[in-house]
């Protein structure tokens, strides 16, 4: 088996609950934060999955509740998905057929570049590198299947 685990059906793979651990590093200030929580990928009424993340984000010693919602819709094939914000705006494409994918998301003047990797059936990871005049960040998220 190689370094990455190919995903034949990304929506089936993601469905269910995951433990989430994220580090957020601000490269400009050298500050670091941590998020711990869960992500649930539940079926949408029409098609696809609703991604609901909730937990605690600790930044500079202050803990706050944090959450986000995304929509993972079917892509051009079973190993692919179209990721949308909760309001339907496009976020990025996702293709895990090789177990690895790089996606870009322009946000105002900053560019988010995400690398998604799948080492096995119960773990995956995303690393977002954010560069621009407003942000200089690295967000590393590790997902572990629950149950």
C-alpha atoms as a PDB file:
ATOM      1  CA  UNK A   1       0.000   0.000   0.000  1.00  0.00           C
ATOM      2  CA  UNK A   2       1.260   3.490  -0.848  1.00  0.00           C
ATOM      3  CA  UNK A   3       1.478   6.699   1.142  1.00  0.00           C
ATOM      4  CA  UNK A   4      -2.128   7.629   0.299  1.00  0.00           C
ATOM      5  CA  UNK A   5      -5.333   5.613   0.433  1.00  0.00           C
ATOM      6  CA  UNK A   6      -7.479   6.050  -2.704  1.00  0.00           C
ATOM      7  CA  UNK A   7     -11.121   6.908  -1.971  1.00  0.00           C
ATOM      8  CA  UNK A   8     -13.588   5.382  -4.435  1.00  0.00           C
ATOM      9  CA  UNK A   9     -16.692   7.177  -3.094  1.00  0.00           C
ATOM     10  CA  UNK A  10     -15.855  10.371  -1.189  1.00  0.00           C
ATOM     11  CA  UNK A  11     -19.367  10.964   0.164  1.00  0.00           C
ATOM     12  CA  UNK A  12     -19.639   7.398   1.486  1.00  0.00           C
ATOM     13  CA  UNK A  13     -16.137   7.678   2.979  1.00  0.00           C
ATOM     14  CA  UNK A  14     -16.880  10.941   4.822  1.00  0.00           C
ATOM     15  CA  UNK A  15     -20.362   9.983   6.085  1.00  0.00           C
ATOM     16  CA  UNK A  16     -20.547   9.679   9.864  1.00  0.00           C
ATOM     17  CA  UNK A  17     -18.752  11.289  12.797  1.00  0.00           C
ATOM     18  CA  UNK A  18     -15.124  12.335  13.098  1.00  0.00           C
ATOM     19  CA  UNK A  19     -12.938  13.654  15.922  1.00  0.00           C
ATOM     20  CA  UNK A  20     -11.249  16.884  14.805  1.00  0.00           C
ATOM     21  CA  UNK A  21      -7.947  18.358  16.035  1.00  0.00           C
ATOM     22  CA  UNK A  22      -6.778  21.581  14.354  1.00  0.00           C
ATOM     23  CA  UNK A  23      -3.804  23.857  14.878  1.00  0.00           C
ATOM     24  CA  UNK A  24      -3.857  27.414  13.575  1.00  0.00           C
ATOM     25  CA  UNK A  25      -0.493  29.125  13.249  1.00  0.00           C
ATOM     26  CA  UNK A  26      -0.228  32.831  12.460  1.00  0.00           C
ATOM     27  CA  UNK A  27       3.174  33.034  10.790  1.00  0.00           C
ATOM     28  CA  UNK A  28       3.295  36.841  11.087  1.00  0.00           C
ATOM     29  CA  UNK A  29       2.811  36.990  14.864  1.00  0.00           C
ATOM     30  CA  UNK A  30       3.934  33.415  15.664  1.00  0.00           C
ATOM     31  CA  UNK A  31       0.711  32.980  17.666  1.00  0.00           C
ATOM     32  CA  UNK A  32      -0.828  29.508  17.702  1.00  0.00           C
ATOM     33  CA  UNK A  33      -4.356  28.339  18.426  1.00  0.00           C
ATOM     34  CA  UNK A  34      -6.027  24.957  18.746  1.00  0.00           C
ATOM     35  CA  UNK A  35      -9.471  23.653  17.906  1.00  0.00           C
ATOM     36  CA  UNK A  36     -10.839  20.363  19.303  1.00  0.00           C
ATOM     37  CA  UNK A  37     -14.237  19.002  18.499  1.00  0.00           C
ATOM     38  CA  UNK A  38     -16.286  16.793  16.236  1.00  0.00           C
ATOM     39  CA  UNK A  39     -17.500  16.896  12.663  1.00  0.00           C
ATOM     40  CA  UNK A  40     -20.639  15.077  11.592  1.00  0.00           C
ATOM     41  CA  UNK A  41     -21.291  14.408   7.906  1.00  0.00           C
ATOM     42  CA  UNK A  42     -25.053  13.772   7.734  1.00  0.00           C
ATOM     43  CA  UNK A  43     -27.166  13.152   4.610  1.00  0.00           C
ATOM     44  CA  UNK A  44     -28.750  16.220   3.036  1.00  0.00           C
ATOM     45  CA  UNK A  45     -32.434  16.012   2.086  1.00  0.00           C
ATOM     46  CA  UNK A  46     -31.715  16.196  -1.643  1.00  0.00           C
ATOM     47  CA  UNK A  47     -28.210  14.798  -2.204  1.00  0.00           C
ATOM     48  CA  UNK A  48     -24.806  15.072  -0.639  1.00  0.00           C
ATOM     49  CA  UNK A  49     -23.702  15.610   2.957  1.00  0.00           C
ATOM     50  CA  UNK A  50     -24.100  18.372   5.522  1.00  0.00           C
ATOM     51  CA  UNK A  51     -20.786  18.929   7.346  1.00  0.00           C
ATOM     52  CA  UNK A  52     -21.382  20.303  10.856  1.00  0.00           C
ATOM     53  CA  UNK A  53     -18.311  21.010  12.975  1.00  0.00           C
ATOM     54  CA  UNK A  54     -18.459  22.080  16.607  1.00  0.00           C
ATOM     55  CA  UNK A  55     -15.975  22.312  19.432  1.00  0.00           C
ATOM     56  CA  UNK A  56     -13.700  24.660  21.326  1.00  0.00           C
ATOM     57  CA  UNK A  57     -11.126  27.017  19.836  1.00  0.00           C
ATOM     58  CA  UNK A  58      -8.354  28.250  22.132  1.00  0.00           C
ATOM     59  CA  UNK A  59      -6.496  31.374  20.947  1.00  0.00           C
ATOM     60  CA  UNK A  60      -3.954  33.183  23.125  1.00  0.00           C
ATOM     61  CA  UNK A  61      -5.207  31.361  26.210  1.00  0.00           C
ATOM     62  CA  UNK A  62      -8.886  32.182  25.654  1.00  0.00           C
ATOM     63  CA  UNK A  63     -11.271  29.273  24.950  1.00  0.00           C
ATOM     64  CA  UNK A  64     -14.391  29.934  22.874  1.00  0.00           C
ATOM     65  CA  UNK A  65     -17.048  27.712  21.335  1.00  0.00           C
ATOM     66  CA  UNK A  66     -16.633  27.427  17.567  1.00  0.00           C
ATOM     67  CA  UNK A  67     -18.662  25.875  14.778  1.00  0.00           C
ATOM     68  CA  UNK A  68     -18.995  25.834  11.010  1.00  0.00           C
ATOM     69  CA  UNK A  69     -21.267  24.261   8.451  1.00  0.00           C
ATOM     70  CA  UNK A  70     -20.400  23.207   4.903  1.00  0.00           C
ATOM     71  CA  UNK A  71     -22.178  21.267   2.176  1.00  0.00           C
ATOM     72  CA  UNK A  72     -20.453  18.428   0.330  1.00  0.00           C
ATOM     73  CA  UNK A  73     -22.300  17.822  -2.943  1.00  0.00           C
ATOM     74  CA  UNK A  74     -21.693  15.100  -5.537  1.00  0.00           C
ATOM     75  CA  UNK A  75     -18.902  15.954  -7.970  1.00  0.00           C
ATOM     76  CA  UNK A  76     -18.260  14.682 -11.487  1.00  0.00           C
ATOM     77  CA  UNK A  77     -17.569  11.144 -10.219  1.00  0.00           C
ATOM     78  CA  UNK A  78     -17.881   9.075  -7.017  1.00  0.00           C
ATOM     79  CA  UNK A  79     -14.403  10.023  -5.722  1.00  0.00           C
ATOM     80  CA  UNK A  80     -15.183  13.729  -6.052  1.00  0.00           C
ATOM     81  CA  UNK A  81     -17.284  16.358  -4.300  1.00  0.00           C
ATOM     82  CA  UNK A  82     -18.143  20.034  -4.631  1.00  0.00           C
ATOM     83  CA  UNK A  83     -17.661  21.762  -1.291  1.00  0.00           C
ATOM     84  CA  UNK A  84     -19.914  24.757  -0.630  1.00  0.00           C
ATOM     85  CA  UNK A  85     -20.316  27.169   2.240  1.00  0.00           C
ATOM     86  CA  UNK A  86     -23.570  26.871   4.204  1.00  0.00           C
ATOM     87  CA  UNK A  87     -25.119  29.638   2.071  1.00  0.00           C
ATOM     88  CA  UNK A  88     -24.317  27.775  -1.162  1.00  0.00           C
ATOM     89  CA  UNK A  89     -21.299  29.824  -2.284  1.00  0.00           C
ATOM     90  CA  UNK A  90     -18.495  27.692  -3.818  1.00  0.00           C
ATOM     91  CA  UNK A  91     -15.583  26.864  -1.510  1.00  0.00           C
ATOM     92  CA  UNK A  92     -13.500  24.256  -3.383  1.00  0.00           C
ATOM     93  CA  UNK A  93     -13.615  21.013  -5.325  1.00  0.00           C
ATOM     94  CA  UNK A  94     -12.424  17.772  -3.748  1.00  0.00           C
ATOM     95  CA  UNK A  95     -11.068  14.715  -5.569  1.00  0.00           C
ATOM     96  CA  UNK A  96      -9.745  11.956  -3.314  1.00  0.00           C
ATOM     97  CA  UNK A  97      -9.544   9.205  -5.957  1.00  0.00           C
ATOM     98  CA  UNK A  98      -5.739   9.142  -5.505  1.00  0.00           C
ATOM     99  CA  UNK A  99      -5.911   9.798  -1.739  1.00  0.00           C
ATOM    100  CA  UNK A 100      -4.407  13.279  -2.197  1.00  0.00           C
ATOM    101  CA  UNK A 101      -5.767  16.542  -3.616  1.00  0.00           C
ATOM    102  CA  UNK A 102      -4.778  20.221  -3.731  1.00  0.00           C
ATOM    103  CA  UNK A 103      -7.472  22.910  -3.946  1.00  0.00           C
ATOM    104  CA  UNK A 104      -7.357  26.706  -4.146  1.00  0.00           C
ATOM    105  CA  UNK A 105      -9.869  29.177  -2.747  1.00  0.00           C
ATOM    106  CA  UNK A 106      -9.405  32.919  -3.361  1.00  0.00           C
ATOM    107  CA  UNK A 107     -10.830  34.939  -0.465  1.00  0.00           C
ATOM    108  CA  UNK A 108     -10.718  38.700  -1.116  1.00  0.00           C
ATOM    109  CA  UNK A 109      -6.995  39.436  -1.634  1.00  0.00           C
ATOM    110  CA  UNK A 110      -5.802  36.285   0.184  1.00  0.00           C
ATOM    111  CA  UNK A 111      -5.348  32.827  -1.350  1.00  0.00           C
ATOM    112  CA  UNK A 112      -6.196  29.652   0.544  1.00  0.00           C
ATOM    113  CA  UNK A 113      -4.393  26.548  -0.789  1.00  0.00           C
ATOM    114  CA  UNK A 114      -5.552  23.303   0.786  1.00  0.00           C
ATOM    115  CA  UNK A 115      -3.889  19.901   0.597  1.00  0.00           C
ATOM    116  CA  UNK A 116      -6.083  16.934   1.511  1.00  0.00           C
ATOM    117  CA  UNK A 117      -4.514  13.543   2.240  1.00  0.00           C
ATOM    118  CA  UNK A 118      -6.010  10.189   3.210  1.00  0.00           C
ATOM    119  CA  UNK A 119      -3.584   7.681   4.793  1.00  0.00           C
ATOM    120  CA  UNK A 120      -6.216   5.013   5.567  1.00  0.00           C
ATOM    121  CA  UNK A 121      -9.937   4.335   5.924  1.00  0.00           C
ATOM    122  CA  UNK A 122     -10.252   5.984   9.357  1.00  0.00           C
ATOM    123  CA  UNK A 123      -8.061   9.098   9.057  1.00  0.00           C
ATOM    124  CA  UNK A 124      -7.685  12.087   6.765  1.00  0.00           C
ATOM    125  CA  UNK A 125      -6.001  15.459   6.991  1.00  0.00           C
ATOM    126  CA  UNK A 126      -6.212  18.924   5.506  1.00  0.00           C
ATOM    127  CA  UNK A 127      -3.503  21.577   5.534  1.00  0.00           C
ATOM    128  CA  UNK A 128      -4.548  25.059   4.431  1.00  0.00           C
ATOM    129  CA  UNK A 129      -1.810  27.591   3.696  1.00  0.00           C
ATOM    130  CA  UNK A 130      -3.267  31.107   3.628  1.00  0.00           C
ATOM    131  CA  UNK A 131      -1.209  33.893   2.053  1.00  0.00           C
ATOM    132  CA  UNK A 132      -2.020  37.467   1.258  1.00  0.00           C
ATOM    133  CA  UNK A 133      -2.034  41.004   2.537  1.00  0.00           C
ATOM    134  CA  UNK A 134      -4.479  40.187   5.366  1.00  0.00           C
ATOM    135  CA  UNK A 135      -3.507  36.672   6.494  1.00  0.00           C
ATOM    136  CA  UNK A 136      -0.379  34.530   6.761  1.00  0.00           C
ATOM    137  CA  UNK A 137      -1.605  31.290   8.305  1.00  0.00           C
ATOM    138  CA  UNK A 138      -1.199  27.514   8.341  1.00  0.00           C
ATOM    139  CA  UNK A 139      -4.247  25.515   9.445  1.00  0.00           C
ATOM    140  CA  UNK A 140      -3.614  21.793   9.956  1.00  0.00           C
ATOM    141  CA  UNK A 141      -6.622  19.574  10.686  1.00  0.00           C
ATOM    142  CA  UNK A 142      -6.556  15.882  11.537  1.00  0.00           C
ATOM    143  CA  UNK A 143      -9.745  13.835  11.340  1.00  0.00           C
ATOM    144  CA  UNK A 144     -10.208  10.451  13.053  1.00  0.00           C
ATOM    145  CA  UNK A 145     -13.342   8.378  12.479  1.00  0.00           C
ATOM    146  CA  UNK A 146     -15.507   7.857  15.571  1.00  0.00           C
ATOM    147  CA  UNK A 147     -17.354   4.603  16.251  1.00  0.00           C
END
